[in-house]
Amino acid sequence: MPHGPQSPEHIVTVGDVDLCVSTFGDRRQQAVLLPSTSRLFWEDRFCTRLADANRFVLRYDIRDTGRSTVSAPGAPGYRLRDLVADLIGLLDVVELPCAHLVGFSVAGWICQLAALDHPARVSSLTLINTRPTAPGPADPDLPEHADRIMTFFTERPHPDWSDRAAVIDYAVAQARIRAGTHGFDEHRARQQATHMVERTTDMAASTLNLAYVEAGARWRERLGEIAVPTLVAHGTDDPFFPFGNAVAMAREIPGAELLALTGIGHEFPDTTWDLVLAAMPRPHPDSVARGSADAMP
């Protein structure tokens, strides 16, 4: 792969799974890995900002999102730890001994488990708007989803997934109820939703399947085992995973830094990027690709 600012999206096969990957920056720099989910596709501008700070950025779609391998809607057929194995397998394919992991929402679970189950492969963590427990009821000491979130998902019917305009409207409505008090930019939300729909193979699978993934064993009780520099960044007005989840994670991960994003909901607007980038742990010198510039498939 040539040294350059950005690669085209391409498919990397990891085991029996195809992952859609794009890269930013020079692979001779320290690596940052960004798993993309149905809730957040890392914007080119953000990835470029990371690359401009002398990082080699790998952005990829996890299963059932974007252009990666797709399962039947409502029947993912894989477990949460399979998504962790995909991440580690991707590091193997691109010959990275370790990387700084950045996870938003559900991808934050993947990053936490990678740090716990594969500590040698994770140099540092940035966990954004996530929580330390899997799908289902929150622990008694953690705040639950806000009422407006539960109302939306229990009372609003799913769109006709074959109707592009209806799916975009549904995604914009989701973005609206996740927004914080800083305000909701409907134009930007519609642009993002349109981009997501245009590049996603199956919007039904992308929207629904993570809710059906088997989480496996709890990991909150193991957070004290995380031994890498960790930033916990969280919107103070997050209605999906309320801020108390971040407080708990920052308390239970040794040495973690808590960054409160004032007025921000379950979202990652560009107004927060400077704050997060400034606080993000610097990647470890070992997180540099071993292979040549042509090692990337």
C-alpha atoms as a PDB file:
ATOM      1  CA  MET A   1       0.000   0.000   0.000  1.00  0.00           C
ATOM      2  CA  PRO A   2       1.480   3.378  -0.909  1.00  0.00           C
ATOM      3  CA  HIS A   3       2.188   6.056   1.647  1.00  0.00           C
ATOM      4  CA  GLY A   4      -0.632   8.494   1.101  1.00  0.00           C
ATOM      5  CA  PRO A   5      -3.389  10.529   2.716  1.00  0.00           C
ATOM      6  CA  GLN A   6      -6.272   8.116   2.099  1.00  0.00           C
ATOM      7  CA  SER A   7      -6.839   4.741   0.474  1.00  0.00           C
ATOM      8  CA  PRO A   8     -10.006   3.827  -1.417  1.00  0.00           C
ATOM      9  CA  GLU A   9     -12.401   1.558   0.437  1.00  0.00           C
ATOM     10  CA  HIS A  10     -11.398  -2.055  -0.123  1.00  0.00           C
ATOM     11  CA  ILE A  11     -12.307  -5.476   1.219  1.00  0.00           C
ATOM     12  CA  VAL A  12      -9.979  -7.307   3.606  1.00  0.00           C
ATOM     13  CA  THR A  13     -10.773 -10.962   4.324  1.00  0.00           C
ATOM     14  CA  VAL A  14     -10.361 -11.961   7.970  1.00  0.00           C
ATOM     15  CA  GLY A  15     -11.095 -15.658   8.408  1.00  0.00           C
ATOM     16  CA  ASP A  16     -14.461 -16.187   6.736  1.00  0.00           C
ATOM     17  CA  VAL A  17     -15.510 -12.532   7.071  1.00  0.00           C
ATOM     18  CA  ASP A  18     -15.048  -9.671   4.617  1.00  0.00           C
ATOM     19  CA  LEU A  19     -14.424  -6.292   6.235  1.00  0.00           C
ATOM     20  CA  CYS A  20     -14.608  -3.013   4.345  1.00  0.00           C
ATOM     21  CA  VAL A  21     -11.509  -0.997   5.244  1.00  0.00           C
ATOM     22  CA  SER A  22     -10.096   2.400   4.383  1.00  0.00           C
ATOM     23  CA  THR A  23      -6.895   3.957   5.659  1.00  0.00           C
ATOM     24  CA  PHE A  24      -5.580   7.465   6.185  1.00  0.00           C
ATOM     25  CA  GLY A  25      -1.994   8.564   6.525  1.00  0.00           C
ATOM     26  CA  ASP A  26       1.356   6.828   6.468  1.00  0.00           C
ATOM     27  CA  ARG A  27       1.497   3.231   7.706  1.00  0.00           C
ATOM     28  CA  ARG A  28       4.964   3.978   9.112  1.00  0.00           C
ATOM     29  CA  GLN A  29       3.205   6.101  11.761  1.00  0.00           C
ATOM     30  CA  GLN A  30       1.615   4.787  14.945  1.00  0.00           C
ATOM     31  CA  ALA A  31      -1.709   3.059  14.317  1.00  0.00           C
ATOM     32  CA  VAL A  32      -5.229   3.977  15.382  1.00  0.00           C
ATOM     33  CA  LEU A  33      -8.078   1.536  14.651  1.00  0.00           C
ATOM     34  CA  LEU A  34     -11.664   2.817  14.315  1.00  0.00           C
ATOM     35  CA  PRO A  35     -14.459   0.213  14.144  1.00  0.00           C
ATOM     36  CA  SER A  36     -17.543   1.710  12.467  1.00  0.00           C
ATOM     37  CA  THR A  37     -21.032   0.649  13.545  1.00  0.00           C
ATOM     38  CA  SER A  38     -24.575   1.392  12.455  1.00  0.00           C
ATOM     39  CA  ARG A  39     -24.592   4.334  14.880  1.00  0.00           C
ATOM     40  CA  LEU A  40     -21.407   5.996  13.699  1.00  0.00           C
ATOM     41  CA  PHE A  41     -19.414   5.934  10.497  1.00  0.00           C
ATOM     42  CA  TRP A  42     -16.239   7.842  11.239  1.00  0.00           C
ATOM     43  CA  GLU A  43     -16.186  10.863   8.963  1.00  0.00           C
ATOM     44  CA  ASP A  44     -13.336  11.381   6.507  1.00  0.00           C
ATOM     45  CA  ARG A  45     -12.600  14.770   8.068  1.00  0.00           C
ATOM     46  CA  PHE A  46     -12.099  13.241  11.511  1.00  0.00           C
ATOM     47  CA  CYS A  47      -9.887  10.466  10.149  1.00  0.00           C
ATOM     48  CA  THR A  48      -7.838  13.019   8.232  1.00  0.00           C
ATOM     49  CA  ARG A  49      -7.382  15.058  11.408  1.00  0.00           C
ATOM     50  CA  LEU A  50      -6.005  11.960  13.126  1.00  0.00           C
ATOM     51  CA  ALA A  51      -3.679  11.228  10.209  1.00  0.00           C
ATOM     52  CA  ASP A  52      -2.462  14.832  10.214  1.00  0.00           C
ATOM     53  CA  ALA A  53      -1.398  14.270  13.831  1.00  0.00           C
ATOM     54  CA  ASN A  54       1.099  11.621  12.644  1.00  0.00           C
ATOM     55  CA  ARG A  55      -1.122   8.589  13.020  1.00  0.00           C
ATOM     56  CA  PHE A  56      -1.888   5.754  10.635  1.00  0.00           C
ATOM     57  CA  VAL A  57      -5.684   5.427  10.735  1.00  0.00           C
ATOM     58  CA  LEU A  58      -7.603   2.270   9.831  1.00  0.00           C
ATOM     59  CA  ARG A  59     -11.375   2.633   9.638  1.00  0.00           C
ATOM     60  CA  TYR A  60     -13.503  -0.437   9.055  1.00  0.00           C
ATOM     61  CA  ASP A  61     -17.137  -1.523   9.025  1.00  0.00           C
ATOM     62  CA  ILE A  62     -17.925  -4.232  11.549  1.00  0.00           C
ATOM     63  CA  ARG A  63     -20.110  -7.118  10.379  1.00  0.00           C
ATOM     64  CA  ASP A  64     -23.605  -6.193   9.193  1.00  0.00           C
ATOM     65  CA  THR A  65     -22.668  -2.559   8.676  1.00  0.00           C
ATOM     66  CA  GLY A  66     -21.518  -0.646   5.627  1.00  0.00           C
ATOM     67  CA  ARG A  67     -20.015  -2.921   3.003  1.00  0.00           C
ATOM     68  CA  SER A  68     -18.775  -5.705   5.272  1.00  0.00           C
ATOM     69  CA  THR A  69     -20.199  -9.240   5.487  1.00  0.00           C
ATOM     70  CA  VAL A  70     -23.962  -9.239   6.072  1.00  0.00           C
ATOM     71  CA  SER A  71     -26.174 -11.709   7.961  1.00  0.00           C
ATOM     72  CA  ALA A  72     -29.926 -12.122   7.726  1.00  0.00           C
ATOM     73  CA  PRO A  73     -31.804  -9.315   9.528  1.00  0.00           C
ATOM     74  CA  GLY A  74     -32.627 -10.397  13.068  1.00  0.00           C
ATOM     75  CA  ALA A  75     -30.347 -13.454  12.897  1.00  0.00           C
ATOM     76  CA  PRO A  76     -26.717 -12.341  13.090  1.00  0.00           C
ATOM     77  CA  GLY A  77     -25.299 -15.792  13.829  1.00  0.00           C
ATOM     78  CA  TYR A  78     -22.241 -14.440  15.634  1.00  0.00           C
ATOM     79  CA  ARG A  79     -21.337 -13.307  19.140  1.00  0.00           C
ATOM     80  CA  LEU A  80     -19.891 -10.094  20.503  1.00  0.00           C
ATOM     81  CA  ARG A  81     -16.522 -11.756  20.962  1.00  0.00           C
ATOM     82  CA  ASP A  82     -16.531 -12.746  17.290  1.00  0.00           C
ATOM     83  CA  LEU A  83     -16.461  -9.020  16.544  1.00  0.00           C
ATOM     84  CA  VAL A  84     -13.443  -8.776  18.841  1.00  0.00           C
ATOM     85  CA  ALA A  85     -11.798 -11.633  16.932  1.00  0.00           C
ATOM     86  CA  ASP A  86     -12.444  -9.751  13.679  1.00  0.00           C
ATOM     87  CA  LEU A  87     -10.606  -6.719  15.064  1.00  0.00           C
ATOM     88  CA  ILE A  88      -7.613  -8.789  16.176  1.00  0.00           C
ATOM     89  CA  GLY A  89      -7.619 -10.651  12.864  1.00  0.00           C
ATOM     90  CA  LEU A  90      -7.534  -7.354  10.983  1.00  0.00           C
ATOM     91  CA  LEU A  91      -4.464  -6.306  12.975  1.00  0.00           C
ATOM     92  CA  ASP A  92      -2.851  -9.600  11.946  1.00  0.00           C
ATOM     93  CA  VAL A  93      -3.642  -9.146   8.255  1.00  0.00           C
ATOM     94  CA  VAL A  94      -2.196  -5.639   8.140  1.00  0.00           C
ATOM     95  CA  GLU A  95       0.781  -6.725  10.265  1.00  0.00           C
ATOM     96  CA  LEU A  96       0.174  -4.421  13.200  1.00  0.00           C
ATOM     97  CA  PRO A  97       1.472  -5.720  16.541  1.00  0.00           C
ATOM     98  CA  CYS A  98      -0.909  -3.405  18.407  1.00  0.00           C
ATOM     99  CA  ALA A  99      -2.978  -0.267  17.956  1.00  0.00           C
ATOM    100  CA  HIS A 100      -4.803   2.493  19.760  1.00  0.00           C
ATOM    101  CA  LEU A 101      -8.513   1.589  19.641  1.00  0.00           C
ATOM    102  CA  VAL A 102     -11.292   4.170  19.408  1.00  0.00           C
ATOM    103  CA  GLY A 103     -14.821   2.892  19.994  1.00  0.00           C
ATOM    104  CA  PHE A 104     -18.125   4.752  20.017  1.00  0.00           C
ATOM    105  CA  SER A 105     -21.234   3.186  21.624  1.00  0.00           C
ATOM    106  CA  VAL A 106     -21.380  -0.558  20.849  1.00  0.00           C
ATOM    107  CA  ALA A 107     -17.905  -0.424  19.303  1.00  0.00           C
ATOM    108  CA  GLY A 108     -16.748   0.628  22.757  1.00  0.00           C
ATOM    109  CA  TRP A 109     -17.700  -2.854  23.969  1.00  0.00           C
ATOM    110  CA  ILE A 110     -15.536  -4.385  21.250  1.00  0.00           C
ATOM    111  CA  CYS A 111     -12.615  -2.189  22.285  1.00  0.00           C
ATOM    112  CA  GLN A 112     -13.006  -2.946  26.000  1.00  0.00           C
ATOM    113  CA  LEU A 113     -13.055  -6.686  25.341  1.00  0.00           C
ATOM    114  CA  ALA A 114     -10.079  -6.466  23.001  1.00  0.00           C
ATOM    115  CA  ALA A 115      -8.081  -4.737  25.747  1.00  0.00           C
ATOM    116  CA  LEU A 116      -9.132  -7.381  28.281  1.00  0.00           C
ATOM    117  CA  ASP A 117      -8.809 -10.532  26.177  1.00  0.00           C
ATOM    118  CA  HIS A 118      -5.879  -9.465  23.953  1.00  0.00           C
ATOM    119  CA  PRO A 119      -3.926  -6.972  26.078  1.00  0.00           C
ATOM    120  CA  ALA A 120      -0.736  -7.225  24.026  1.00  0.00           C
ATOM    121  CA  ARG A 121      -2.593  -6.001  20.920  1.00  0.00           C
ATOM    122  CA  VAL A 122      -4.020  -2.814  22.451  1.00  0.00           C
ATOM    123  CA  SER A 123      -1.677   0.090  23.163  1.00  0.00           C
ATOM    124  CA  SER A 124      -4.317   2.531  24.452  1.00  0.00           C
ATOM    125  CA  LEU A 125      -8.051   3.201  24.375  1.00  0.00           C
ATOM    126  CA  THR A 126     -10.507   5.974  23.651  1.00  0.00           C
ATOM    127  CA  LEU A 127     -14.040   5.009  24.689  1.00  0.00           C
ATOM    128  CA  ILE A 128     -16.775   7.390  23.546  1.00  0.00           C
ATOM    129  CA  ASN A 129     -20.403   7.267  24.737  1.00  0.00           C
ATOM    130  CA  THR A 130     -20.321   3.600  25.687  1.00  0.00           C
ATOM    131  CA  ARG A 131     -20.938   1.617  28.860  1.00  0.00           C
ATOM    132  CA  PRO A 132     -19.306  -1.252  30.785  1.00  0.00           C
ATOM    133  CA  THR A 133     -22.160  -3.739  30.376  1.00  0.00           C
ATOM    134  CA  ALA A 134     -23.709  -5.533  27.415  1.00  0.00           C
ATOM    135  CA  PRO A 135     -27.252  -5.273  25.971  1.00  0.00           C
ATOM    136  CA  GLY A 136     -30.077  -5.696  28.421  1.00  0.00           C
ATOM    137  CA  PRO A 137     -30.977  -4.033  31.714  1.00  0.00           C
ATOM    138  CA  ALA A 138     -28.265  -1.856  33.204  1.00  0.00           C
ATOM    139  CA  ASP A 139     -26.610  -2.717  36.496  1.00  0.00           C
ATOM    140  CA  PRO A 140     -28.489  -1.244  39.473  1.00  0.00           C
ATOM    141  CA  ASP A 141     -25.878   1.475  39.963  1.00  0.00           C
ATOM    142  CA  LEU A 142     -25.878   2.529  36.299  1.00  0.00           C
ATOM    143  CA  PRO A 143     -28.437   4.810  34.644  1.00  0.00           C
ATOM    144  CA  GLU A 144     -30.752   3.249  32.057  1.00  0.00           C
ATOM    145  CA  HIS A 145     -31.816   4.506  28.648  1.00  0.00           C
ATOM    146  CA  ALA A 146     -33.860   7.703  28.845  1.00  0.00           C
ATOM    147  CA  ASP A 147     -37.630   7.375  28.452  1.00  0.00           C
ATOM    148  CA  ARG A 148     -37.597   9.005  25.020  1.00  0.00           C
ATOM    149  CA  ILE A 149     -35.201   6.330  23.764  1.00  0.00           C
ATOM    150  CA  MET A 150     -37.386   3.502  25.028  1.00  0.00           C
ATOM    151  CA  THR A 151     -40.509   5.141  23.610  1.00  0.00           C
ATOM    152  CA  PHE A 152     -38.921   5.508  20.183  1.00  0.00           C
ATOM    153  CA  PHE A 153     -37.790   1.904  19.923  1.00  0.00           C
ATOM    154  CA  THR A 154     -40.920   0.353  21.402  1.00  0.00           C
ATOM    155  CA  GLU A 155     -43.571   2.495  19.726  1.00  0.00           C
ATOM    156  CA  ARG A 156     -42.172   3.650  16.379  1.00  0.00           C
ATOM    157  CA  PRO A 157     -42.504   0.990  13.667  1.00  0.00           C
ATOM    158  CA  HIS A 158     -39.536   0.120  11.506  1.00  0.00           C
ATOM    159  CA  PRO A 159     -39.582   1.622   8.030  1.00  0.00           C
ATOM    160  CA  ASP A 160     -39.996  -0.299   4.815  1.00  0.00           C
ATOM    161  CA  TRP A 161     -36.332  -1.171   4.377  1.00  0.00           C
ATOM    162  CA  SER A 162     -36.692  -1.122   0.601  1.00  0.00           C
ATOM    163  CA  ASP A 163     -37.898   2.503   0.691  1.00  0.00           C
ATOM    164  CA  ARG A 164     -34.735   4.611   0.649  1.00  0.00           C
ATOM    165  CA  ALA A 165     -36.466   7.863   1.648  1.00  0.00           C
ATOM    166  CA  ALA A 166     -38.304   6.192   4.535  1.00  0.00           C
ATOM    167  CA  VAL A 167     -35.090   4.640   5.855  1.00  0.00           C
ATOM    168  CA  ILE A 168     -33.334   8.004   5.735  1.00  0.00           C
ATOM    169  CA  ASP A 169     -36.243   9.634   7.595  1.00  0.00           C
ATOM    170  CA  TYR A 170     -36.072   6.883  10.231  1.00  0.00           C
ATOM    171  CA  ALA A 171     -32.324   7.401  10.688  1.00  0.00           C
ATOM    172  CA  VAL A 172     -32.802  11.164  11.023  1.00  0.00           C
ATOM    173  CA  ALA A 173     -35.519  10.599  13.628  1.00  0.00           C
ATOM    174  CA  GLN A 174     -33.132   8.367  15.580  1.00  0.00           C
ATOM    175  CA  ALA A 175     -30.451  11.035  15.421  1.00  0.00           C
ATOM    176  CA  ARG A 176     -32.922  13.631  16.697  1.00  0.00           C
ATOM    177  CA  ILE A 177     -33.897  11.657  19.811  1.00  0.00           C
ATOM    178  CA  ARG A 178     -30.224  10.921  20.570  1.00  0.00           C
ATOM    179  CA  ALA A 179     -29.174  14.575  20.354  1.00  0.00           C
ATOM    180  CA  GLY A 180     -28.187  16.577  23.404  1.00  0.00           C
ATOM    181  CA  THR A 181     -29.070  20.088  24.495  1.00  0.00           C
ATOM    182  CA  HIS A 182     -26.343  21.615  22.308  1.00  0.00           C
ATOM    183  CA  GLY A 183     -28.876  21.471  19.481  1.00  0.00           C
ATOM    184  CA  PHE A 184     -29.839  19.247  16.565  1.00  0.00           C
ATOM    185  CA  ASP A 185     -28.538  19.936  13.073  1.00  0.00           C
ATOM    186  CA  GLU A 186     -31.132  18.251  10.868  1.00  0.00           C
ATOM    187  CA  HIS A 187     -29.336  19.138   7.635  1.00  0.00           C
ATOM    188  CA  ARG A 188     -26.125  17.452   8.794  1.00  0.00           C
ATOM    189  CA  ALA A 189     -28.061  14.485  10.185  1.00  0.00           C
ATOM    190  CA  ARG A 190     -29.823  14.003   6.857  1.00  0.00           C
ATOM    191  CA  GLN A 191     -26.539  14.197   4.971  1.00  0.00           C
ATOM    192  CA  GLN A 192     -25.031  11.562   7.252  1.00  0.00           C
ATOM    193  CA  ALA A 193     -28.103   9.327   6.995  1.00  0.00           C
ATOM    194  CA  THR A 194     -28.102   9.584   3.213  1.00  0.00           C
ATOM    195  CA  HIS A 195     -24.418   8.662   3.065  1.00  0.00           C
ATOM    196  CA  MET A 196     -25.012   5.722   5.408  1.00  0.00           C
ATOM    197  CA  VAL A 197     -27.911   4.380   3.337  1.00  0.00           C
ATOM    198  CA  GLU A 198     -25.988   4.783   0.086  1.00  0.00           C
ATOM    199  CA  ARG A 199     -23.011   2.750   1.296  1.00  0.00           C
ATOM    200  CA  THR A 200     -24.777   0.090   3.391  1.00  0.00           C
ATOM    201  CA  THR A 201     -25.507  -3.294   1.835  1.00  0.00           C
ATOM    202  CA  ASP A 202     -28.492  -4.111   4.079  1.00  0.00           C
ATOM    203  CA  MET A 203     -29.986  -1.369   6.245  1.00  0.00           C
ATOM    204  CA  ALA A 204     -32.279  -3.780   8.093  1.00  0.00           C
ATOM    205  CA  ALA A 205     -29.352  -5.943   9.199  1.00  0.00           C
ATOM    206  CA  SER A 206     -27.250  -2.885   9.978  1.00  0.00           C
ATOM    207  CA  THR A 207     -29.960  -1.324  12.141  1.00  0.00           C
ATOM    208  CA  LEU A 208     -31.265  -4.429  13.902  1.00  0.00           C
ATOM    209  CA  ASN A 209     -28.634  -7.112  14.263  1.00  0.00           C
ATOM    210  CA  LEU A 210     -26.419  -5.736  17.018  1.00  0.00           C
ATOM    211  CA  ALA A 211     -29.423  -5.954  19.350  1.00  0.00           C
ATOM    212  CA  TYR A 212     -29.524  -9.725  18.738  1.00  0.00           C
ATOM    213  CA  VAL A 213     -25.824 -10.447  19.218  1.00  0.00           C
ATOM    214  CA  GLU A 214     -25.028 -12.801  22.107  1.00  0.00           C
ATOM    215  CA  ALA A 215     -22.850 -10.842  24.527  1.00  0.00           C
ATOM    216  CA  GLY A 216     -21.356 -13.754  26.453  1.00  0.00           C
ATOM    217  CA  ALA A 217     -19.731 -13.371  29.860  1.00  0.00           C
ATOM    218  CA  ARG A 218     -19.833 -10.067  31.718  1.00  0.00           C
ATOM    219  CA  TRP A 219     -16.683  -7.972  31.713  1.00  0.00           C
ATOM    220  CA  ARG A 220     -17.382  -5.013  34.016  1.00  0.00           C
ATOM    221  CA  GLU A 221     -15.817  -6.841  36.945  1.00  0.00           C
ATOM    222  CA  ARG A 222     -12.600  -7.159  34.897  1.00  0.00           C
ATOM    223  CA  LEU A 223     -12.174  -3.471  34.039  1.00  0.00           C
ATOM    224  CA  GLY A 224      -9.445  -3.240  36.675  1.00  0.00           C
ATOM    225  CA  GLU A 225      -7.318  -5.478  34.436  1.00  0.00           C
ATOM    226  CA  ILE A 226      -7.061  -2.809  31.722  1.00  0.00           C
ATOM    227  CA  ALA A 227      -3.498  -1.568  31.984  1.00  0.00           C
ATOM    228  CA  VAL A 228      -3.213   0.836  29.039  1.00  0.00           C
ATOM    229  CA  PRO A 229      -3.811   4.602  28.924  1.00  0.00           C
ATOM    230  CA  THR A 230      -7.543   5.151  28.538  1.00  0.00           C
ATOM    231  CA  LEU A 231      -9.700   8.155  27.714  1.00  0.00           C
ATOM    232  CA  VAL A 232     -13.405   7.938  28.551  1.00  0.00           C
ATOM    233  CA  ALA A 233     -15.204  10.700  26.627  1.00  0.00           C
ATOM    234  CA  HIS A 234     -18.955  11.026  27.074  1.00  0.00           C
ATOM    235  CA  GLY A 235     -21.766  13.424  26.361  1.00  0.00           C
ATOM    236  CA  THR A 236     -23.284  14.816  29.535  1.00  0.00           C
ATOM    237  CA  ASP A 237     -26.737  14.662  27.900  1.00  0.00           C
ATOM    238  CA  ASP A 238     -26.442  11.190  26.358  1.00  0.00           C
ATOM    239  CA  PRO A 239     -29.950   9.659  26.557  1.00  0.00           C
ATOM    240  CA  PHE A 240     -28.903   6.236  25.251  1.00  0.00           C
ATOM    241  CA  PHE A 241     -26.009   5.473  27.608  1.00  0.00           C
ATOM    242  CA  PRO A 242     -26.352   8.246  30.207  1.00  0.00           C
ATOM    243  CA  PHE A 243     -23.281   9.949  31.625  1.00  0.00           C
ATOM    244  CA  GLY A 244     -23.189   7.859  34.808  1.00  0.00           C
ATOM    245  CA  ASN A 245     -21.905   4.967  32.711  1.00  0.00           C
ATOM    246  CA  ALA A 246     -18.812   6.995  31.857  1.00  0.00           C
ATOM    247  CA  VAL A 247     -18.259   7.941  35.481  1.00  0.00           C
ATOM    248  CA  ALA A 248     -18.321   4.257  36.436  1.00  0.00           C
ATOM    249  CA  MET A 249     -15.921   3.228  33.656  1.00  0.00           C
ATOM    250  CA  ALA A 250     -13.456   6.004  34.441  1.00  0.00           C
ATOM    251  CA  ARG A 251     -13.539   5.014  38.109  1.00  0.00           C
ATOM    252  CA  GLU A 252     -13.049   1.295  37.458  1.00  0.00           C
ATOM    253  CA  ILE A 253     -10.375   1.444  34.711  1.00  0.00           C
ATOM    254  CA  PRO A 254      -7.072   2.227  36.451  1.00  0.00           C
ATOM    255  CA  GLY A 255      -5.772   5.679  35.600  1.00  0.00           C
ATOM    256  CA  ALA A 256      -8.521   6.440  33.081  1.00  0.00           C
ATOM    257  CA  GLU A 257      -9.216  10.072  32.228  1.00  0.00           C
ATOM    258  CA  LEU A 258     -12.842  11.223  32.083  1.00  0.00           C
ATOM    259  CA  LEU A 259     -13.696  13.885  29.506  1.00  0.00           C
ATOM    260  CA  ALA A 260     -17.195  15.340  29.851  1.00  0.00           C
ATOM    261  CA  LEU A 261     -18.630  16.605  26.559  1.00  0.00           C
ATOM    262  CA  THR A 262     -21.035  19.253  27.819  1.00  0.00           C
ATOM    263  CA  GLY A 263     -24.470  19.286  26.216  1.00  0.00           C
ATOM    264  CA  ILE A 264     -23.658  16.395  23.883  1.00  0.00           C
ATOM    265  CA  GLY A 265     -25.997  13.453  23.462  1.00  0.00           C
ATOM    266  CA  HIS A 266     -25.375  10.022  21.921  1.00  0.00           C
ATOM    267  CA  GLU A 267     -23.522  11.532  18.992  1.00  0.00           C
ATOM    268  CA  PHE A 268     -20.084  12.717  17.929  1.00  0.00           C
ATOM    269  CA  PRO A 269     -20.450  16.165  16.335  1.00  0.00           C
ATOM    270  CA  ASP A 270     -17.437  17.967  14.922  1.00  0.00           C
ATOM    271  CA  THR A 271     -17.668  20.525  17.732  1.00  0.00           C
ATOM    272  CA  THR A 272     -16.252  17.832  20.057  1.00  0.00           C
ATOM    273  CA  TRP A 273     -13.352  16.719  17.891  1.00  0.00           C
ATOM    274  CA  ASP A 274     -10.750  19.193  19.153  1.00  0.00           C
ATOM    275  CA  LEU A 275     -11.493  18.261  22.764  1.00  0.00           C
ATOM    276  CA  VAL A 276     -11.264  14.529  22.125  1.00  0.00           C
ATOM    277  CA  LEU A 277      -8.172  14.719  19.921  1.00  0.00           C
ATOM    278  CA  ALA A 278      -6.342  16.847  22.485  1.00  0.00           C
ATOM    279  CA  ALA A 279      -7.134  14.393  25.290  1.00  0.00           C
ATOM    280  CA  MET A 280      -6.602  11.171  23.337  1.00  0.00           C
ATOM    281  CA  PRO A 281      -3.652   9.071  24.569  1.00  0.00           C
ATOM    282  CA  ARG A 282      -0.704   9.061  22.221  1.00  0.00           C
ATOM    283  CA  PRO A 283      -0.321   5.707  20.442  1.00  0.00           C
ATOM    284  CA  HIS A 284       2.504   3.457  21.605  1.00  0.00           C
ATOM    285  CA  PRO A 285       5.687   3.296  19.467  1.00  0.00           C
ATOM    286  CA  ASP A 286       5.125  -0.461  18.998  1.00  0.00           C
ATOM    287  CA  SER A 287       1.870   0.217  17.142  1.00  0.00           C
ATOM    288  CA  VAL A 288       3.643   0.530  13.807  1.00  0.00           C
ATOM    289  CA  ALA A 289       3.145  -1.946  10.981  1.00  0.00           C
ATOM    290  CA  ARG A 290       5.878  -4.564  10.686  1.00  0.00           C
ATOM    291  CA  GLY A 291       5.538  -5.160   6.949  1.00  0.00           C
ATOM    292  CA  SER A 292       6.415  -3.164   3.904  1.00  0.00           C
ATOM    293  CA  ALA A 293       4.316  -0.409   2.433  1.00  0.00           C
ATOM    294  CA  ASP A 294       2.660  -3.008   0.203  1.00  0.00           C
ATOM    295  CA  ALA A 295       1.546  -5.304   3.033  1.00  0.00           C
ATOM    296  CA  MET A 296      -2.028  -4.038   3.087  1.00  0.00           C
ATOM    297  CA  PRO A 297      -4.268  -6.241   0.915  1.00  0.00           C
END
